Amino acid sequence: MTLAEALGVARQAHALPHTVLQGSLDAGLLLVAADVSDRPVGFLAAEEIEGMLYVIELDVCRNWQRRGVGRHLMSAAIEMARTRQLSSLTLTTDRHLPFNAPFYSSLGFVLPSAEVLPRFLRKKLNYEVAVGMDAEGRVAMVLTL
C-alpha cells in the first residue's frame, strides 16, 4: 500500500517524493497521526533549515479532517522545534484555501514582509511557481517561537 492510499488522498503532480519523506524520517522530523487501529490518518514532514523548522507538507486524510488532527500534528511540530531550540516554524501554502493559510494563521503564523522573509523561503516560493503553482496564491508563513 502506498502512503497516498493509506491516507486516502489523490495522487497529485506535486506529491512528495519518497526521498523527501525518507529525509524527514531520517532526521526525526516525520510525524504520523494514527487512528485507534494504528492506521495512519495524517502526517507532517519537515526539515531543519538555517535554525528554523520548515514544514514541507501537512496532510490529513479527508475523513479525518476538521477533527483536530492537523492542529495536533502542528502542535507536536512546534514542541519539536522548541526542543531543538529552533527560532521558528516556516512553511509555504496557498493563501486562498480555507484549510491552508487561515488554519495556519489560527496557530499564530504570520505573513512576513519581503524584507524579513528568509532567503530559503523566497527560493521555495520561486520554485513552486516555476513548477506551475499559482504565483498569486502562494505565500510563506512564519511562526516565531
C-alpha atoms as a PDB file:
ATOM      1  CA  MET A   1       0.000   0.000   0.000  1.00  0.00           C
ATOM      2  CA  THR A   2       1.326   3.456  -0.858  1.00  0.00           C
ATOM      3  CA  LEU A   3       1.297   6.401   1.552  1.00  0.00           C
ATOM      4  CA  ALA A   4      -1.315   8.112  -0.652  1.00  0.00           C
ATOM      5  CA  GLU A   5      -3.534   5.016  -0.469  1.00  0.00           C
ATOM      6  CA  ALA A   6      -3.078   4.720   3.292  1.00  0.00           C
ATOM      7  CA  LEU A   7      -4.042   8.347   3.798  1.00  0.00           C
ATOM      8  CA  GLY A   8      -6.886   8.231   1.278  1.00  0.00           C
ATOM      9  CA  VAL A   9      -5.531  11.119  -0.778  1.00  0.00           C
ATOM     10  CA  ALA A  10      -5.464  11.518  -4.527  1.00  0.00           C
ATOM     11  CA  ARG A  11      -2.171  11.415  -6.315  1.00  0.00           C
ATOM     12  CA  GLN A  12      -1.159  14.893  -7.357  1.00  0.00           C
ATOM     13  CA  ALA A  13       1.570  16.271  -9.596  1.00  0.00           C
ATOM     14  CA  HIS A  14       3.225  17.894  -6.572  1.00  0.00           C
ATOM     15  CA  ALA A  15       3.054  14.846  -4.285  1.00  0.00           C
ATOM     16  CA  LEU A  16       6.118  14.434  -2.116  1.00  0.00           C
ATOM     17  CA  PRO A  17       8.790  12.151  -3.488  1.00  0.00           C
ATOM     18  CA  HIS A  18       9.651   9.148  -1.331  1.00  0.00           C
ATOM     19  CA  THR A  19      13.153  10.570  -0.847  1.00  0.00           C
ATOM     20  CA  VAL A  20      11.733  13.701   0.815  1.00  0.00           C
ATOM     21  CA  LEU A  21       9.673  11.629   3.248  1.00  0.00           C
ATOM     22  CA  GLN A  22      12.689   9.416   3.917  1.00  0.00           C
ATOM     23  CA  GLY A  23      14.820  12.502   4.600  1.00  0.00           C
ATOM     24  CA  SER A  24      12.278  13.759   7.140  1.00  0.00           C
ATOM     25  CA  LEU A  25      12.110  10.312   8.740  1.00  0.00           C
ATOM     26  CA  ASP A  26      15.903  10.017   8.941  1.00  0.00           C
ATOM     27  CA  ALA A  27      16.110  13.466  10.568  1.00  0.00           C
ATOM     28  CA  GLY A  28      13.409  12.575  13.112  1.00  0.00           C
ATOM     29  CA  LEU A  29      11.098  15.130  11.502  1.00  0.00           C
ATOM     30  CA  LEU A  30       8.284  12.939  10.164  1.00  0.00           C
ATOM     31  CA  LEU A  31       5.219  12.898  12.408  1.00  0.00           C
ATOM     32  CA  VAL A  32       2.357  10.478  11.788  1.00  0.00           C
ATOM     33  CA  ALA A  33      -1.113  10.544  13.344  1.00  0.00           C
ATOM     34  CA  ALA A  34      -2.892   7.197  13.575  1.00  0.00           C
ATOM     35  CA  ASP A  35      -6.372   6.016  14.476  1.00  0.00           C
ATOM     36  CA  VAL A  36      -7.152   3.544  17.285  1.00  0.00           C
ATOM     37  CA  SER A  37      -6.305   0.668  14.912  1.00  0.00           C
ATOM     38  CA  ASP A  38      -2.880   2.230  14.275  1.00  0.00           C
ATOM     39  CA  ARG A  39      -3.746   3.147  10.675  1.00  0.00           C
ATOM     40  CA  PRO A  40      -2.185   6.441   9.538  1.00  0.00           C
ATOM     41  CA  VAL A  41      -4.680   9.298   9.177  1.00  0.00           C
ATOM     42  CA  GLY A  42      -2.262  12.197   8.712  1.00  0.00           C
ATOM     43  CA  PHE A  43       1.357  13.204   8.610  1.00  0.00           C
ATOM     44  CA  LEU A  44       3.670  16.181   8.851  1.00  0.00           C
ATOM     45  CA  ALA A  45       7.036  16.123   7.097  1.00  0.00           C
ATOM     46  CA  ALA A  46       9.600  18.782   7.973  1.00  0.00           C
ATOM     47  CA  GLU A  47      13.240  19.715   7.593  1.00  0.00           C
ATOM     48  CA  GLU A  48      15.574  21.918   9.577  1.00  0.00           C
ATOM     49  CA  ILE A  49      16.914  24.883   7.587  1.00  0.00           C
ATOM     50  CA  GLU A  50      19.008  27.772   8.923  1.00  0.00           C
ATOM     51  CA  GLY A  51      17.910  27.205  12.519  1.00  0.00           C
ATOM     52  CA  MET A  52      14.219  27.017  11.594  1.00  0.00           C
ATOM     53  CA  LEU A  53      11.798  24.139  11.143  1.00  0.00           C
ATOM     54  CA  TYR A  54      10.357  24.186   7.623  1.00  0.00           C
ATOM     55  CA  VAL A  55       7.082  22.269   7.286  1.00  0.00           C
ATOM     56  CA  ILE A  56       7.363  20.557   3.924  1.00  0.00           C
ATOM     57  CA  GLU A  57       3.904  19.021   3.998  1.00  0.00           C
ATOM     58  CA  LEU A  58       0.954  18.574   6.329  1.00  0.00           C
ATOM     59  CA  ASP A  59      -1.695  16.150   5.100  1.00  0.00           C
ATOM     60  CA  VAL A  60      -4.748  14.723   6.824  1.00  0.00           C
ATOM     61  CA  CYS A  61      -6.967  12.008   5.364  1.00  0.00           C
ATOM     62  CA  ARG A  62     -10.188  13.562   4.092  1.00  0.00           C
ATOM     63  CA  ASN A  63     -12.347  11.521   6.511  1.00  0.00           C
ATOM     64  CA  TRP A  64     -10.292  12.828   9.444  1.00  0.00           C
ATOM     65  CA  GLN A  65     -10.208  16.498   8.536  1.00  0.00           C
ATOM     66  CA  ARG A  66     -11.770  19.050  10.917  1.00  0.00           C
ATOM     67  CA  ARG A  67     -11.211  16.715  13.891  1.00  0.00           C
ATOM     68  CA  GLY A  68      -8.067  18.354  15.230  1.00  0.00           C
ATOM     69  CA  VAL A  69      -5.560  16.001  13.594  1.00  0.00           C
ATOM     70  CA  GLY A  70      -3.766  18.778  11.689  1.00  0.00           C
ATOM     71  CA  ARG A  71      -3.734  21.013  14.759  1.00  0.00           C
ATOM     72  CA  HIS A  72      -2.315  18.134  16.849  1.00  0.00           C
ATOM     73  CA  LEU A  73       0.419  17.461  14.278  1.00  0.00           C
ATOM     74  CA  MET A  74       1.311  21.162  14.152  1.00  0.00           C
ATOM     75  CA  SER A  75       1.389  21.330  17.974  1.00  0.00           C
ATOM     76  CA  ALA A  76       3.785  18.382  18.002  1.00  0.00           C
ATOM     77  CA  ALA A  77       5.965  20.099  15.374  1.00  0.00           C
ATOM     78  CA  ILE A  78       6.023  23.303  17.440  1.00  0.00           C
ATOM     79  CA  GLU A  79       7.107  21.347  20.512  1.00  0.00           C
ATOM     80  CA  MET A  80       9.742  19.518  18.455  1.00  0.00           C
ATOM     81  CA  ALA A  81      11.130  22.857  17.205  1.00  0.00           C
ATOM     82  CA  ARG A  82      11.269  24.192  20.771  1.00  0.00           C
ATOM     83  CA  THR A  83      13.062  21.055  21.954  1.00  0.00           C
ATOM     84  CA  ARG A  84      15.614  21.538  19.164  1.00  0.00           C
ATOM     85  CA  GLN A  85      15.917  25.210  20.171  1.00  0.00           C
ATOM     86  CA  LEU A  86      14.924  26.443  16.716  1.00  0.00           C
ATOM     87  CA  SER A  87      13.853  30.048  16.252  1.00  0.00           C
ATOM     88  CA  SER A  88      10.667  29.483  14.277  1.00  0.00           C
ATOM     89  CA  LEU A  89       8.473  27.282  12.135  1.00  0.00           C
ATOM     90  CA  THR A  90       8.118  28.189   8.482  1.00  0.00           C
ATOM     91  CA  LEU A  91       6.060  26.939   5.566  1.00  0.00           C
ATOM     92  CA  THR A  92       4.663  27.823   2.176  1.00  0.00           C
ATOM     93  CA  THR A  93       0.981  27.429   1.427  1.00  0.00           C
ATOM     94  CA  ASP A  94      -1.993  28.636  -0.577  1.00  0.00           C
ATOM     95  CA  ARG A  95      -3.497  31.848   0.771  1.00  0.00           C
ATOM     96  CA  HIS A  96      -6.967  31.189  -0.678  1.00  0.00           C
ATOM     97  CA  LEU A  97      -7.854  27.696   0.536  1.00  0.00           C
ATOM     98  CA  PRO A  98      -9.682  27.839   3.897  1.00  0.00           C
ATOM     99  CA  PHE A  99      -7.823  24.840   5.288  1.00  0.00           C
ATOM    100  CA  ASN A 100      -4.438  26.377   4.469  1.00  0.00           C
ATOM    101  CA  ALA A 101      -3.405  29.962   5.278  1.00  0.00           C
ATOM    102  CA  PRO A 102      -6.391  30.682   7.581  1.00  0.00           C
ATOM    103  CA  PHE A 103      -5.668  27.467   9.507  1.00  0.00           C
ATOM    104  CA  TYR A 104      -2.008  28.395   9.962  1.00  0.00           C
ATOM    105  CA  SER A 105      -2.996  31.946  10.971  1.00  0.00           C
ATOM    106  CA  SER A 106      -5.158  30.453  13.730  1.00  0.00           C
ATOM    107  CA  LEU A 107      -1.991  28.805  15.083  1.00  0.00           C
ATOM    108  CA  GLY A 108      -0.116  32.116  15.169  1.00  0.00           C
ATOM    109  CA  PHE A 109       1.655  32.005  11.810  1.00  0.00           C
ATOM    110  CA  VAL A 110       2.030  35.364  10.063  1.00  0.00           C
ATOM    111  CA  LEU A 111       2.873  36.533   6.558  1.00  0.00           C
ATOM    112  CA  PRO A 112       6.334  38.104   6.825  1.00  0.00           C
ATOM    113  CA  SER A 113       7.184  41.206   4.835  1.00  0.00           C
ATOM    114  CA  ALA A 114       9.525  40.776   1.886  1.00  0.00           C
ATOM    115  CA  GLU A 115      12.291  42.490   3.865  1.00  0.00           C
ATOM    116  CA  VAL A 116      12.357  39.841   6.601  1.00  0.00           C
ATOM    117  CA  LEU A 117      11.416  36.788   4.509  1.00  0.00           C
ATOM    118  CA  PRO A 118      14.228  34.234   4.885  1.00  0.00           C
ATOM    119  CA  ARG A 119      16.044  33.706   1.586  1.00  0.00           C
ATOM    120  CA  PHE A 120      15.354  29.963   1.580  1.00  0.00           C
ATOM    121  CA  LEU A 121      11.593  30.649   1.771  1.00  0.00           C
ATOM    122  CA  ARG A 122      11.832  33.070  -1.156  1.00  0.00           C
ATOM    123  CA  LYS A 123      13.635  30.342  -3.120  1.00  0.00           C
ATOM    124  CA  LYS A 124      10.969  27.786  -2.210  1.00  0.00           C
ATOM    125  CA  LEU A 125       8.188  30.136  -3.366  1.00  0.00           C
ATOM    126  CA  ASN A 126      10.024  30.799  -6.634  1.00  0.00           C
ATOM    127  CA  TYR A 127      10.434  27.056  -7.199  1.00  0.00           C
ATOM    128  CA  GLU A 128       6.748  26.376  -6.519  1.00  0.00           C
ATOM    129  CA  VAL A 129       5.745  28.991  -9.088  1.00  0.00           C
ATOM    130  CA  ALA A 130       8.293  27.600 -11.580  1.00  0.00           C
ATOM    131  CA  VAL A 131       6.696  24.140 -11.356  1.00  0.00           C
ATOM    132  CA  GLY A 132       3.227  25.523 -12.022  1.00  0.00           C
ATOM    133  CA  MET A 133       1.703  26.596  -8.731  1.00  0.00           C
ATOM    134  CA  ASP A 134      -0.332  29.816  -8.728  1.00  0.00           C
ATOM    135  CA  ALA A 135       2.016  32.744  -8.084  1.00  0.00           C
ATOM    136  CA  GLU A 136      -0.818  34.906  -6.735  1.00  0.00           C
ATOM    137  CA  GLY A 137      -1.914  32.243  -4.259  1.00  0.00           C
ATOM    138  CA  ARG A 138       1.434  31.081  -2.875  1.00  0.00           C
ATOM    139  CA  VAL A 139       2.628  32.640   0.387  1.00  0.00           C
ATOM    140  CA  ALA A 140       5.260  31.976   3.017  1.00  0.00           C
ATOM    141  CA  MET A 141       4.268  31.981   6.676  1.00  0.00           C
ATOM    142  CA  VAL A 142       6.356  32.120   9.861  1.00  0.00           C
ATOM    143  CA  LEU A 143       5.635  31.291  13.494  1.00  0.00           C
ATOM    144  CA  THR A 144       8.303  32.783  15.754  1.00  0.00           C
ATOM    145  CA  LEU A 145       8.942  30.722  18.879  1.00  0.00           C
END
